[in-house]
Amino acid sequence: MRNLTYGFEHLEHRYRVLGGNDAPVIPVERRLNLNDLLADRYGGDYASHPKLKSLMELNGGIHRHFLTGEEEVQAFQNNEFIRMHNSTLSKVGFLHSAIRKLVSGKLRTASRGFGIALDRIFESRYAKAIGLFATAITIGVGIWQIFLWFKETIPK
């Protein structure tokens, strides 16, 4: 969504061409790029090219209404607008699902590596509970040790 060919600026332009006067504008600093978010978290090889289709395959399969770019062009030329609309809905639905899975740590990707494995392990509730429990014990032991240290250093 960053370039003039397919991006926010292109959508604004299309809106104006189709007769809209005041296109809604999302400020650049408020825009999020899902590809960049996924690459930052899972590495650039989180899915093979084409990334959307590959990510769909990794997370439950390709929706029956999904069309590739070439198939969408063909559908447009054949005036199959409902088919194009269904394809768009399948992609939007998948992106919604992918974002939810990304946030919950359940998105499946092709990324491999020790860092990715650690991230997945420590995103679980069990790991967080163990970490909280260990932290509480460590704080308690630390306070006890400070108490013992003061007890020994204070003259009687």
Protein backbone atom coordinates (compact mmCIF):
# COMPACT_ATOMS: atom_id res chain seq x y z
CA MET A 1 0.00 0.00 0.00
CA ARG A 2 3.03 2.24 -0.36
CA ASN A 3 3.27 2.88 -4.07
CA LEU A 4 1.34 4.87 -6.64
CA THR A 5 0.33 1.77 -8.60
CA TYR A 6 -1.41 0.10 -5.69
CA GLY A 7 -1.58 2.11 -2.54
CA PHE A 8 -3.46 4.72 -0.57
CA GLU A 9 -2.65 7.43 -3.11
CA HIS A 10 -4.00 5.24 -5.90
CA LEU A 11 -7.23 4.64 -3.97
CA GLU A 12 -7.61 8.38 -3.35
CA HIS A 13 -7.08 9.05 -7.06
CA ARG A 14 -9.59 6.35 -8.06
CA TYR A 15 -12.16 7.83 -5.67
CA ARG A 16 -11.79 11.26 -7.26
CA VAL A 17 -11.95 9.84 -10.81
CA LEU A 18 -15.16 8.02 -9.94
CA GLY A 19 -16.76 11.29 -8.86
CA GLY A 20 -15.85 11.67 -5.21
CA ASN A 21 -15.01 15.18 -4.11
CA ASP A 22 -13.32 14.74 -0.76
CA ALA A 23 -11.41 11.46 -0.56
CA PRO A 24 -10.69 10.32 2.99
CA VAL A 25 -6.97 10.62 3.66
CA ILE A 26 -5.09 8.46 6.15
CA PRO A 27 -1.99 10.30 7.37
CA VAL A 28 1.26 8.51 6.51
CA GLU A 29 2.28 8.25 10.17
CA ARG A 30 -0.97 6.34 10.95
CA ARG A 31 -0.62 3.76 8.18
CA LEU A 32 0.50 0.21 8.92
CA ASN A 33 1.96 -2.14 6.35
CA LEU A 34 1.05 -5.74 7.16
CA ASN A 35 3.93 -7.10 5.07
CA ASP A 36 6.42 -5.00 7.06
CA LEU A 37 4.87 -6.07 10.38
CA LEU A 38 5.11 -9.75 9.41
CA ALA A 39 8.66 -9.38 8.09
CA ASP A 40 9.75 -7.59 11.30
CA ARG A 41 8.31 -10.35 13.46
CA TYR A 42 8.99 -13.50 11.43
CA GLY A 43 11.72 -12.44 9.00
CA GLY A 44 11.46 -11.62 5.31
CA ASP A 45 10.95 -15.27 4.37
CA TYR A 46 7.73 -15.65 6.37
CA ALA A 47 5.99 -16.81 3.16
CA SER A 48 7.08 -17.58 -0.37
CA HIS A 49 6.03 -15.45 -3.34
CA PRO A 50 3.15 -14.68 -3.87
CA LYS A 51 2.98 -13.98 -0.15
CA LEU A 52 -0.80 -13.60 0.28
CA LYS A 53 -1.58 -16.90 -1.42
CA SER A 54 1.27 -18.71 0.37
CA LEU A 55 0.18 -17.34 3.74
CA MET A 56 -3.37 -18.51 3.01
CA GLU A 57 -2.06 -22.01 2.26
CA LEU A 58 -0.15 -22.07 5.55
CA ASN A 59 -3.21 -20.97 7.53
CA GLY A 60 -6.03 -23.20 6.41
CA GLY A 61 -5.97 -23.12 2.64
CA ILE A 62 -7.01 -20.88 -0.19
CA HIS A 63 -10.62 -19.69 -0.14
CA ARG A 64 -12.74 -21.03 -2.99
CA HIS A 65 -13.51 -17.49 -4.25
CA PHE A 66 -9.85 -16.38 -4.28
CA LEU A 67 -8.68 -15.09 -7.66
CA THR A 68 -5.14 -14.22 -8.68
CA GLY A 69 -4.43 -10.81 -10.20
CA GLU A 70 -4.60 -12.25 -13.72
CA GLU A 71 -7.87 -14.02 -12.96
CA GLU A 72 -9.34 -10.78 -11.60
CA VAL A 73 -8.37 -8.96 -14.81
CA GLN A 74 -10.05 -11.71 -16.83
CA ALA A 75 -13.16 -11.56 -14.63
CA PHE A 76 -13.31 -7.78 -15.13
CA GLN A 77 -13.00 -8.15 -18.90
CA ASN A 78 -15.82 -10.72 -18.82
CA ASN A 79 -17.99 -8.39 -16.67
CA GLU A 80 -17.98 -10.95 -13.83
CA PHE A 81 -18.19 -8.34 -11.10
CA ILE A 82 -19.76 -10.62 -8.50
CA ARG A 83 -16.87 -13.03 -8.96
CA MET A 84 -14.40 -10.16 -8.46
CA HIS A 85 -16.35 -8.97 -5.41
CA ASN A 86 -16.29 -12.45 -3.86
CA SER A 87 -12.54 -12.64 -4.43
CA THR A 88 -12.06 -9.29 -2.70
CA LEU A 89 -14.22 -10.42 0.22
CA SER A 90 -12.21 -13.63 0.57
CA LYS A 91 -8.96 -11.65 0.69
CA VAL A 92 -10.30 -9.11 3.19
CA GLY A 93 -11.65 -11.94 5.35
CA PHE A 94 -8.29 -13.67 5.28
CA LEU A 95 -6.41 -10.47 6.14
CA HIS A 96 -8.74 -9.96 9.11
CA SER A 97 -8.04 -13.52 10.24
CA ALA A 98 -4.29 -13.13 9.69
CA ILE A 99 -4.15 -9.95 11.77
CA ARG A 100 -6.08 -11.63 14.60
CA LYS A 101 -3.71 -14.61 14.47
CA LEU A 102 -0.68 -12.30 14.34
CA VAL A 103 -1.84 -10.49 17.48
CA SER A 104 -2.58 -13.75 19.32
CA GLY A 105 0.68 -15.37 18.18
CA LYS A 106 -1.07 -18.15 16.24
CA LEU A 107 -0.23 -17.14 12.67
CA ARG A 108 1.56 -19.94 10.83
CA THR A 109 4.46 -18.87 8.68
CA ALA A 110 7.23 -20.53 6.72
CA SER A 111 9.86 -18.90 8.95
CA ARG A 112 12.22 -21.19 10.78
CA GLY A 113 14.95 -20.52 13.26
CA PHE A 114 15.81 -20.43 16.92
CA GLY A 115 14.56 -16.86 17.43
CA ILE A 116 11.19 -17.58 15.85
CA ALA A 117 10.82 -20.73 17.98
CA LEU A 118 11.64 -18.77 21.14
CA ASP A 119 9.12 -16.08 20.24
CA ARG A 120 6.41 -18.70 19.77
CA ILE A 121 7.26 -20.47 23.02
CA PHE A 122 7.23 -17.30 25.12
CA GLU A 123 3.96 -16.05 23.63
CA SER A 124 1.99 -18.83 25.33
CA ARG A 125 0.04 -18.18 28.52
CA TYR A 126 1.83 -21.04 30.27
CA ALA A 127 5.23 -19.48 29.60
CA LYS A 128 3.97 -16.10 30.82
CA ALA A 129 2.51 -17.68 33.98
CA ILE A 130 5.78 -19.50 34.70
CA GLY A 131 7.70 -16.26 34.12
CA LEU A 132 5.39 -14.35 36.49
CA PHE A 133 5.70 -17.08 39.16
CA ALA A 134 9.50 -17.18 38.81
CA THR A 135 9.68 -13.39 39.03
CA ALA A 136 7.60 -13.36 42.22
CA ILE A 137 9.81 -16.02 43.81
CA THR A 138 12.96 -14.16 42.76
CA ILE A 139 11.70 -10.90 44.27
CA GLY A 140 10.79 -12.74 47.49
CA VAL A 141 14.22 -14.39 47.71
CA GLY A 142 15.89 -11.05 46.98
CA ILE A 143 13.97 -9.32 49.76
CA TRP A 144 14.84 -12.18 52.15
CA GLN A 145 18.53 -11.92 51.22
CA ILE A 146 18.51 -8.16 51.82
CA PHE A 147 16.88 -8.76 55.20
CA LEU A 148 19.57 -11.31 56.10
CA TRP A 149 22.32 -8.98 54.93
CA PHE A 150 21.01 -6.08 57.05
CA LYS A 151 20.58 -8.40 60.01
CA GLU A 152 24.25 -9.42 59.82
CA THR A 153 25.65 -5.91 59.21
CA ILE A 154 23.70 -4.11 61.93
CA PRO A 155 25.61 -4.32 65.22
CA LYS A 156 23.71 -5.72 68.19
